Amino acid sequence: MDPQNTQGQGAQPAGQNPQGQGQFQPQGAGQAQPQGAMPPGMYPPPGYQQGGMPPGMYPPQGYPQGGMQPGMYPPPGYPQGGMYQDMGMGGGQGFPQGGMPPQEPEDTTPANFQLGTKFLQPLKIKLPKHDMSFDEDYFVKLLAGSISLSREEKKRIIESVPKLKQSQIDELINIFEEEKEKFAALSKKHVPQLEKLAQQHYNEWIDLETEYEQSQKENEDQDKAEAIRKQLGL
């Protein structure tokens, strides 16, 4: 009886190995490698040691061991010491194009602003009687022109003059004179504010003079009424 081939049995064609038998064929063997892939056994590349670069390849040729080649930093075209030296950011002159221009120095020349110049007419407030020796008109003008004291503070000083000592009056005069010198030494940029304050204190002093005039008139009227009562024997 001649042998017959059945499904899955029988002789294989010459030159072919049955599936799973004979020489092992790795997956993908005999096929083209994808572009960019390294063929098996090609890593590391020829000339490189297993696990790293060939000896003596780092630092690159021309660079000293342990760092960059001297003179290679800053890169050519940049100043020694940093990028900003010539850009006005690190002590250089000028500002970069499009940046903030340098500010002009402030003019500190004294404007010689004088306090008390608004009082052109003789002042109407007179000091109470006292036993001290000083120029009363000069003292009152300094007091009226002060922009450091309020209206009520000036009024209290006037009323307290009879109780003050000579040394206290002299000290007040020195304080007012120093105030004038201090404001006269300020630059012109302060003048608008000084003028505003001077006008404010001028108006307050005029109001104070009006108050004193009314009070003086009332006192005179009372004195006249008292004199009449004495004449009538009342």
C-alpha atoms as a PDB file:
ATOM      1  CA  MET A   1       0.000   0.000   0.000  1.00  0.00           C
ATOM      2  CA  ASP A   2       1.575   3.320  -1.120  1.00  0.00           C
ATOM      3  CA  PRO A   3       1.732   5.893   1.540  1.00  0.00           C
ATOM      4  CA  GLN A   4      -0.534   8.931   0.916  1.00  0.00           C
ATOM      5  CA  ASN A   5      -0.184  12.391   2.226  1.00  0.00           C
ATOM      6  CA  THR A   6      -2.914  13.543   4.550  1.00  0.00           C
ATOM      7  CA  GLN A   7      -3.696  17.132   5.696  1.00  0.00           C
ATOM      8  CA  GLY A   8      -0.823  18.329   7.920  1.00  0.00           C
ATOM      9  CA  GLN A   9       1.367  15.311   7.102  1.00  0.00           C
ATOM     10  CA  GLY A  10       3.735  14.156   4.355  1.00  0.00           C
ATOM     11  CA  ALA A  11       7.116  15.279   3.078  1.00  0.00           C
ATOM     12  CA  GLN A  12       8.090  18.918   2.975  1.00  0.00           C
ATOM     13  CA  PRO A  13       9.389  20.482  -0.224  1.00  0.00           C
ATOM     14  CA  ALA A  14      13.113  20.291  -0.675  1.00  0.00           C
ATOM     15  CA  GLY A  15      15.125  23.122   0.909  1.00  0.00           C
ATOM     16  CA  GLN A  16      12.377  24.140   3.387  1.00  0.00           C
ATOM     17  CA  ASN A  17      12.184  23.423   7.083  1.00  0.00           C
ATOM     18  CA  PRO A  18       8.915  22.643   8.722  1.00  0.00           C
ATOM     19  CA  GLN A  19       7.434  25.373  11.042  1.00  0.00           C
ATOM     20  CA  GLY A  20       9.029  25.181  14.433  1.00  0.00           C
ATOM     21  CA  GLN A  21      11.759  22.775  13.310  1.00  0.00           C
ATOM     22  CA  GLY A  22      15.330  23.111  12.170  1.00  0.00           C
ATOM     23  CA  GLN A  23      17.331  26.375  12.207  1.00  0.00           C
ATOM     24  CA  PHE A  24      15.885  29.240  14.332  1.00  0.00           C
ATOM     25  CA  GLN A  25      14.885  32.299  12.361  1.00  0.00           C
ATOM     26  CA  PRO A  26      14.694  35.498  14.484  1.00  0.00           C
ATOM     27  CA  GLN A  27      11.645  37.673  14.019  1.00  0.00           C
ATOM     28  CA  GLY A  28      12.305  40.160  11.274  1.00  0.00           C
ATOM     29  CA  ALA A  29      15.340  38.273   9.973  1.00  0.00           C
ATOM     30  CA  GLY A  30      15.887  38.780   6.326  1.00  0.00           C
ATOM     31  CA  GLN A  31      13.744  41.963   6.309  1.00  0.00           C
ATOM     32  CA  ALA A  32      14.957  45.508   5.664  1.00  0.00           C
ATOM     33  CA  GLN A  33      15.697  47.561   8.828  1.00  0.00           C
ATOM     34  CA  PRO A  34      13.641  50.755   9.339  1.00  0.00           C
ATOM     35  CA  GLN A  35      15.343  53.988   8.413  1.00  0.00           C
ATOM     36  CA  GLY A  36      17.540  55.284  11.257  1.00  0.00           C
ATOM     37  CA  ALA A  37      17.691  52.011  13.131  1.00  0.00           C
ATOM     38  CA  MET A  38      21.074  50.514  13.872  1.00  0.00           C
ATOM     39  CA  PRO A  39      21.632  46.928  12.688  1.00  0.00           C
ATOM     40  CA  PRO A  40      21.947  44.335  15.447  1.00  0.00           C
ATOM     41  CA  GLY A  41      25.357  44.235  17.018  1.00  0.00           C
ATOM     42  CA  MET A  42      26.274  47.754  15.864  1.00  0.00           C
ATOM     43  CA  TYR A  43      25.996  49.449  19.281  1.00  0.00           C
ATOM     44  CA  PRO A  44      28.249  50.752  20.584  1.00  0.00           C
ATOM     45  CA  PRO A  45      29.646  51.899  17.227  1.00  0.00           C
ATOM     46  CA  PRO A  46      33.004  50.542  16.167  1.00  0.00           C
ATOM     47  CA  GLY A  47      35.837  52.162  18.169  1.00  0.00           C
ATOM     48  CA  TYR A  48      33.727  52.840  21.287  1.00  0.00           C
ATOM     49  CA  GLN A  49      34.131  50.837  24.433  1.00  0.00           C
ATOM     50  CA  GLN A  50      31.217  48.930  25.840  1.00  0.00           C
ATOM     51  CA  GLY A  51      29.252  51.241  28.165  1.00  0.00           C
ATOM     52  CA  GLY A  52      30.691  54.630  27.141  1.00  0.00           C
ATOM     53  CA  MET A  53      32.782  56.849  24.902  1.00  0.00           C
ATOM     54  CA  PRO A  54      36.292  55.866  23.799  1.00  0.00           C
ATOM     55  CA  PRO A  55      39.054  56.961  26.169  1.00  0.00           C
ATOM     56  CA  GLY A  56      40.333  60.495  25.768  1.00  0.00           C
ATOM     57  CA  MET A  57      37.280  61.749  23.873  1.00  0.00           C
ATOM     58  CA  TYR A  58      36.027  64.042  26.661  1.00  0.00           C
ATOM     59  CA  PRO A  59      36.694  66.907  27.014  1.00  0.00           C
ATOM     60  CA  PRO A  60      36.781  67.372  23.224  1.00  0.00           C
ATOM     61  CA  GLN A  61      40.096  67.864  21.577  1.00  0.00           C
ATOM     62  CA  GLY A  62      41.495  71.347  22.289  1.00  0.00           C
ATOM     63  CA  TYR A  63      39.657  71.808  25.632  1.00  0.00           C
ATOM     64  CA  PRO A  64      41.610  71.513  28.881  1.00  0.00           C
ATOM     65  CA  GLN A  65      40.757  68.787  31.334  1.00  0.00           C
ATOM     66  CA  GLY A  66      38.093  69.989  33.799  1.00  0.00           C
ATOM     67  CA  GLY A  67      36.619  72.963  31.960  1.00  0.00           C
ATOM     68  CA  MET A  68      36.199  75.115  28.889  1.00  0.00           C
ATOM     69  CA  GLN A  69      39.040  76.470  26.875  1.00  0.00           C
ATOM     70  CA  PRO A  70      40.401  79.728  28.402  1.00  0.00           C
ATOM     71  CA  GLY A  71      39.026  82.829  26.717  1.00  0.00           C
ATOM     72  CA  MET A  72      35.932  81.091  25.367  1.00  0.00           C
ATOM     73  CA  TYR A  73      33.572  82.807  27.880  1.00  0.00           C
ATOM     74  CA  PRO A  74      32.117  85.317  27.500  1.00  0.00           C
ATOM     75  CA  PRO A  75      31.539  84.461  23.832  1.00  0.00           C
ATOM     76  CA  PRO A  76      33.180  86.709  21.230  1.00  0.00           C
ATOM     77  CA  GLY A  77      31.360  90.054  21.001  1.00  0.00           C
ATOM     78  CA  TYR A  78      30.337  90.239  24.698  1.00  0.00           C
ATOM     79  CA  PRO A  79      32.265  92.424  27.164  1.00  0.00           C
ATOM     80  CA  GLN A  80      34.215  90.840  29.980  1.00  0.00           C
ATOM     81  CA  GLY A  81      32.181  90.870  33.200  1.00  0.00           C
ATOM     82  CA  GLY A  82      28.710  90.372  31.775  1.00  0.00           C
ATOM     83  CA  MET A  83      26.232  91.256  29.068  1.00  0.00           C
ATOM     84  CA  TYR A  84      24.929  94.468  30.596  1.00  0.00           C
ATOM     85  CA  GLN A  85      28.067  96.489  31.157  1.00  0.00           C
ATOM     86  CA  ASP A  86      27.629  98.579  28.018  1.00  0.00           C
ATOM     87  CA  MET A  87      23.826  98.650  28.261  1.00  0.00           C
ATOM     88  CA  GLY A  88      23.575 100.965  31.238  1.00  0.00           C
ATOM     89  CA  MET A  89      22.610  98.056  33.527  1.00  0.00           C
ATOM     90  CA  GLY A  90      25.925  97.348  35.210  1.00  0.00           C
ATOM     91  CA  GLY A  91      27.816 100.603  35.463  1.00  0.00           C
ATOM     92  CA  GLY A  92      28.200 101.332  31.762  1.00  0.00           C
ATOM     93  CA  GLN A  93      27.160 104.584  30.170  1.00  0.00           C
ATOM     94  CA  GLY A  94      23.849 105.163  28.477  1.00  0.00           C
ATOM     95  CA  PHE A  95      20.677 103.128  28.239  1.00  0.00           C
ATOM     96  CA  PRO A  96      19.688 100.547  25.636  1.00  0.00           C
ATOM     97  CA  GLN A  97      17.748 101.818  22.667  1.00  0.00           C
ATOM     98  CA  GLY A  98      14.098 102.225  23.624  1.00  0.00           C
ATOM     99  CA  GLY A  99      14.827 102.252  27.373  1.00  0.00           C
ATOM    100  CA  MET A 100      14.279 104.990  29.961  1.00  0.00           C
ATOM    101  CA  PRO A 101      16.514 108.034  29.404  1.00  0.00           C
ATOM    102  CA  PRO A 102      18.732 109.143  32.295  1.00  0.00           C
ATOM    103  CA  GLN A 103      17.066 111.624  34.650  1.00  0.00           C
ATOM    104  CA  GLU A 104      18.458 115.109  34.928  1.00  0.00           C
ATOM    105  CA  PRO A 105      19.819 116.004  38.369  1.00  0.00           C
ATOM    106  CA  GLU A 106      17.433 117.979  40.561  1.00  0.00           C
ATOM    107  CA  ASP A 107      18.043 121.707  40.815  1.00  0.00           C
ATOM    108  CA  THR A 108      18.657 122.336  44.515  1.00  0.00           C
ATOM    109  CA  THR A 109      19.356 126.059  44.194  1.00  0.00           C
ATOM    110  CA  PRO A 110      17.594 127.871  47.075  1.00  0.00           C
ATOM    111  CA  ALA A 111      14.488 129.717  45.912  1.00  0.00           C
ATOM    112  CA  ASN A 112      14.829 132.269  48.762  1.00  0.00           C
ATOM    113  CA  PHE A 113      11.109 132.158  49.540  1.00  0.00           C
ATOM    114  CA  GLN A 114      10.357 134.703  52.260  1.00  0.00           C
ATOM    115  CA  LEU A 115       7.660 134.248  54.886  1.00  0.00           C
ATOM    116  CA  GLY A 116       5.615 137.232  56.000  1.00  0.00           C
ATOM    117  CA  THR A 117       5.857 139.219  52.748  1.00  0.00           C
ATOM    118  CA  LYS A 118       2.064 139.239  52.363  1.00  0.00           C
ATOM    119  CA  PHE A 119       1.687 141.503  55.380  1.00  0.00           C
ATOM    120  CA  LEU A 120       2.198 144.856  53.687  1.00  0.00           C
ATOM    121  CA  GLN A 121       0.030 146.876  56.080  1.00  0.00           C
ATOM    122  CA  PRO A 122       0.861 147.399  59.777  1.00  0.00           C
ATOM    123  CA  LEU A 123      -0.489 144.556  61.875  1.00  0.00           C
ATOM    124  CA  LYS A 124      -3.478 145.402  64.040  1.00  0.00           C
ATOM    125  CA  ILE A 125      -2.885 142.968  66.918  1.00  0.00           C
ATOM    126  CA  LYS A 126      -1.022 144.474  69.833  1.00  0.00           C
ATOM    127  CA  LEU A 127       0.591 142.439  72.583  1.00  0.00           C
ATOM    128  CA  PRO A 128      -0.709 142.641  76.163  1.00  0.00           C
ATOM    129  CA  LYS A 129       1.292 144.656  78.695  1.00  0.00           C
ATOM    130  CA  HIS A 130       4.518 143.011  79.884  1.00  0.00           C
ATOM    131  CA  ASP A 131       7.832 143.869  81.585  1.00  0.00           C
ATOM    132  CA  MET A 132      10.227 142.490  78.938  1.00  0.00           C
ATOM    133  CA  SER A 133      12.407 144.280  76.423  1.00  0.00           C
ATOM    134  CA  PHE A 134      12.111 143.282  72.732  1.00  0.00           C
ATOM    135  CA  ASP A 135      10.809 144.627  69.425  1.00  0.00           C
ATOM    136  CA  GLU A 136       7.082 143.940  69.653  1.00  0.00           C
ATOM    137  CA  ASP A 137       6.270 144.747  66.025  1.00  0.00           C
ATOM    138  CA  TYR A 138       9.061 142.448  64.790  1.00  0.00           C
ATOM    139  CA  PHE A 139       7.894 139.656  67.105  1.00  0.00           C
ATOM    140  CA  VAL A 140       4.259 139.937  65.971  1.00  0.00           C
ATOM    141  CA  LYS A 141       5.256 139.962  62.293  1.00  0.00           C
ATOM    142  CA  LEU A 142       7.363 136.807  62.770  1.00  0.00           C
ATOM    143  CA  LEU A 143       4.454 135.182  64.598  1.00  0.00           C
ATOM    144  CA  ALA A 144       1.930 136.185  61.928  1.00  0.00           C
ATOM    145  CA  GLY A 145       4.138 134.920  59.055  1.00  0.00           C
ATOM    146  CA  SER A 146       4.861 131.519  60.597  1.00  0.00           C
ATOM    147  CA  ILE A 147       3.409 128.586  58.628  1.00  0.00           C
ATOM    148  CA  SER A 148       4.252 126.066  61.344  1.00  0.00           C
ATOM    149  CA  LEU A 149       1.712 127.268  63.907  1.00  0.00           C
ATOM    150  CA  SER A 150      -2.046 127.123  63.683  1.00  0.00           C
ATOM    151  CA  ARG A 151      -4.362 130.072  64.241  1.00  0.00           C
ATOM    152  CA  GLU A 152      -5.232 128.942  67.781  1.00  0.00           C
ATOM    153  CA  GLU A 153      -1.564 128.378  68.698  1.00  0.00           C
ATOM    154  CA  LYS A 154      -0.703 131.927  67.640  1.00  0.00           C
ATOM    155  CA  LYS A 155      -3.606 133.243  69.693  1.00  0.00           C
ATOM    156  CA  ARG A 156      -2.410 131.382  72.798  1.00  0.00           C
ATOM    157  CA  ILE A 157       1.125 132.772  72.407  1.00  0.00           C
ATOM    158  CA  ILE A 158      -0.209 136.337  72.273  1.00  0.00           C
ATOM    159  CA  GLU A 159      -2.337 135.850  75.359  1.00  0.00           C
ATOM    160  CA  SER A 160       0.533 134.210  77.298  1.00  0.00           C
ATOM    161  CA  VAL A 161       3.107 136.977  76.665  1.00  0.00           C
ATOM    162  CA  PRO A 162       2.587 138.637  80.094  1.00  0.00           C
ATOM    163  CA  LYS A 163       3.439 135.295  81.747  1.00  0.00           C
ATOM    164  CA  LEU A 164       6.590 134.579  79.726  1.00  0.00           C
ATOM    165  CA  LYS A 165      10.180 135.248  80.716  1.00  0.00           C
ATOM    166  CA  GLN A 166      12.699 137.213  78.669  1.00  0.00           C
ATOM    167  CA  SER A 167      14.565 134.011  77.784  1.00  0.00           C
ATOM    168  CA  GLN A 168      11.368 132.452  76.470  1.00  0.00           C
ATOM    169  CA  ILE A 169      10.613 135.426  74.235  1.00  0.00           C
ATOM    170  CA  ASP A 170      14.180 135.355  72.907  1.00  0.00           C
ATOM    171  CA  GLU A 171      13.857 131.632  72.190  1.00  0.00           C
ATOM    172  CA  LEU A 172      10.602 132.158  70.299  1.00  0.00           C
ATOM    173  CA  ILE A 173      12.233 134.831  68.142  1.00  0.00           C
ATOM    174  CA  ASN A 174      15.122 132.457  67.349  1.00  0.00           C
ATOM    175  CA  ILE A 175      12.675 129.691  66.390  1.00  0.00           C
ATOM    176  CA  PHE A 176      10.745 131.980  64.035  1.00  0.00           C
ATOM    177  CA  GLU A 177      13.965 133.241  62.412  1.00  0.00           C
ATOM    178  CA  GLU A 178      15.233 129.676  61.887  1.00  0.00           C
ATOM    179  CA  GLU A 179      11.907 128.778  60.300  1.00  0.00           C
ATOM    180  CA  LYS A 180      12.303 131.609  57.789  1.00  0.00           C
ATOM    181  CA  GLU A 181      15.847 130.515  56.935  1.00  0.00           C
ATOM    182  CA  LYS A 182      14.811 126.882  56.509  1.00  0.00           C
ATOM    183  CA  PHE A 183      12.021 127.633  54.032  1.00  0.00           C
ATOM    184  CA  ALA A 184      14.162 130.178  52.180  1.00  0.00           C
ATOM    185  CA  ALA A 185      16.747 127.424  51.548  1.00  0.00           C
ATOM    186  CA  LEU A 186      14.255 125.154  49.746  1.00  0.00           C
ATOM    187  CA  SER A 187      14.477 124.808  45.958  1.00  0.00           C
ATOM    188  CA  LYS A 188      11.986 126.281  43.504  1.00  0.00           C
ATOM    189  CA  LYS A 189      10.018 123.049  43.193  1.00  0.00           C
ATOM    190  CA  HIS A 190       8.692 123.704  46.738  1.00  0.00           C
ATOM    191  CA  VAL A 191       7.604 127.268  46.019  1.00  0.00           C
ATOM    192  CA  PRO A 192       4.024 126.458  44.881  1.00  0.00           C
ATOM    193  CA  GLN A 193       3.330 124.579  48.109  1.00  0.00           C
ATOM    194  CA  LEU A 194       4.948 127.306  50.197  1.00  0.00           C
ATOM    195  CA  GLU A 195       2.836 129.966  48.509  1.00  0.00           C
ATOM    196  CA  LYS A 196      -0.299 127.947  49.217  1.00  0.00           C
ATOM    197  CA  LEU A 197       0.605 127.610  52.902  1.00  0.00           C
ATOM    198  CA  ALA A 198       1.567 131.272  53.190  1.00  0.00           C
ATOM    199  CA  GLN A 199      -1.789 132.348  51.747  1.00  0.00           C
ATOM    200  CA  GLN A 200      -3.656 130.008  54.089  1.00  0.00           C
ATOM    201  CA  HIS A 201      -1.898 131.379  57.183  1.00  0.00           C
ATOM    202  CA  TYR A 202      -2.322 134.948  55.958  1.00  0.00           C
ATOM    203  CA  ASN A 203      -6.103 134.438  55.751  1.00  0.00           C
ATOM    204  CA  GLU A 204      -6.133 132.882  59.228  1.00  0.00           C
ATOM    205  CA  TRP A 205      -4.226 135.852  60.664  1.00  0.00           C
ATOM    206  CA  ILE A 206      -6.657 138.331  59.093  1.00  0.00           C
ATOM    207  CA  ASP A 207      -9.511 136.421  60.721  1.00  0.00           C
ATOM    208  CA  LEU A 208      -7.648 136.557  64.032  1.00  0.00           C
ATOM    209  CA  GLU A 209      -7.199 140.317  63.700  1.00  0.00           C
ATOM    210  CA  THR A 210     -10.920 140.690  63.047  1.00  0.00           C
ATOM    211  CA  GLU A 211     -11.667 138.663  66.151  1.00  0.00           C
ATOM    212  CA  TYR A 212      -9.324 140.838  68.236  1.00  0.00           C
ATOM    213  CA  GLU A 213     -10.894 144.036  66.920  1.00  0.00           C
ATOM    214  CA  GLN A 214     -14.365 142.855  67.867  1.00  0.00           C
ATOM    215  CA  SER A 215     -13.161 141.754  71.291  1.00  0.00           C
ATOM    216  CA  GLN A 216     -11.391 145.082  71.844  1.00  0.00           C
ATOM    217  CA  LYS A 217     -14.523 147.010  70.889  1.00  0.00           C
ATOM    218  CA  GLU A 218     -16.594 144.986  73.329  1.00  0.00           C
ATOM    219  CA  ASN A 219     -14.098 145.684  76.097  1.00  0.00           C
ATOM    220  CA  GLU A 220     -14.164 149.417  75.301  1.00  0.00           C
ATOM    221  CA  ASP A 221     -17.946 149.433  75.386  1.00  0.00           C
ATOM    222  CA  GLN A 222     -17.921 147.724  78.766  1.00  0.00           C
ATOM    223  CA  ASP A 223     -15.398 150.232  80.115  1.00  0.00           C
ATOM    224  CA  LYS A 224     -17.589 153.147  78.955  1.00  0.00           C
ATOM    225  CA  ALA A 225     -20.690 151.626  80.502  1.00  0.00           C
ATOM    226  CA  GLU A 226     -18.854 151.106  83.778  1.00  0.00           C
ATOM    227  CA  ALA A 227     -17.657 154.726  83.761  1.00  0.00           C
ATOM    228  CA  ILE A 228     -21.214 155.995  83.227  1.00  0.00           C
ATOM    229  CA  ARG A 229     -22.548 153.905  86.092  1.00  0.00           C
ATOM    230  CA  LYS A 230     -19.881 155.344  88.390  1.00  0.00           C
ATOM    231  CA  GLN A 231     -20.847 158.891  87.366  1.00  0.00           C
ATOM    232  CA  LEU A 232     -24.469 158.181  88.132  1.00  0.00           C
ATOM    233  CA  GLY A 233     -23.572 156.584  91.419  1.00  0.00           C
ATOM    234  CA  LEU A 234     -25.020 153.281  90.424  1.00  0.00           C
END
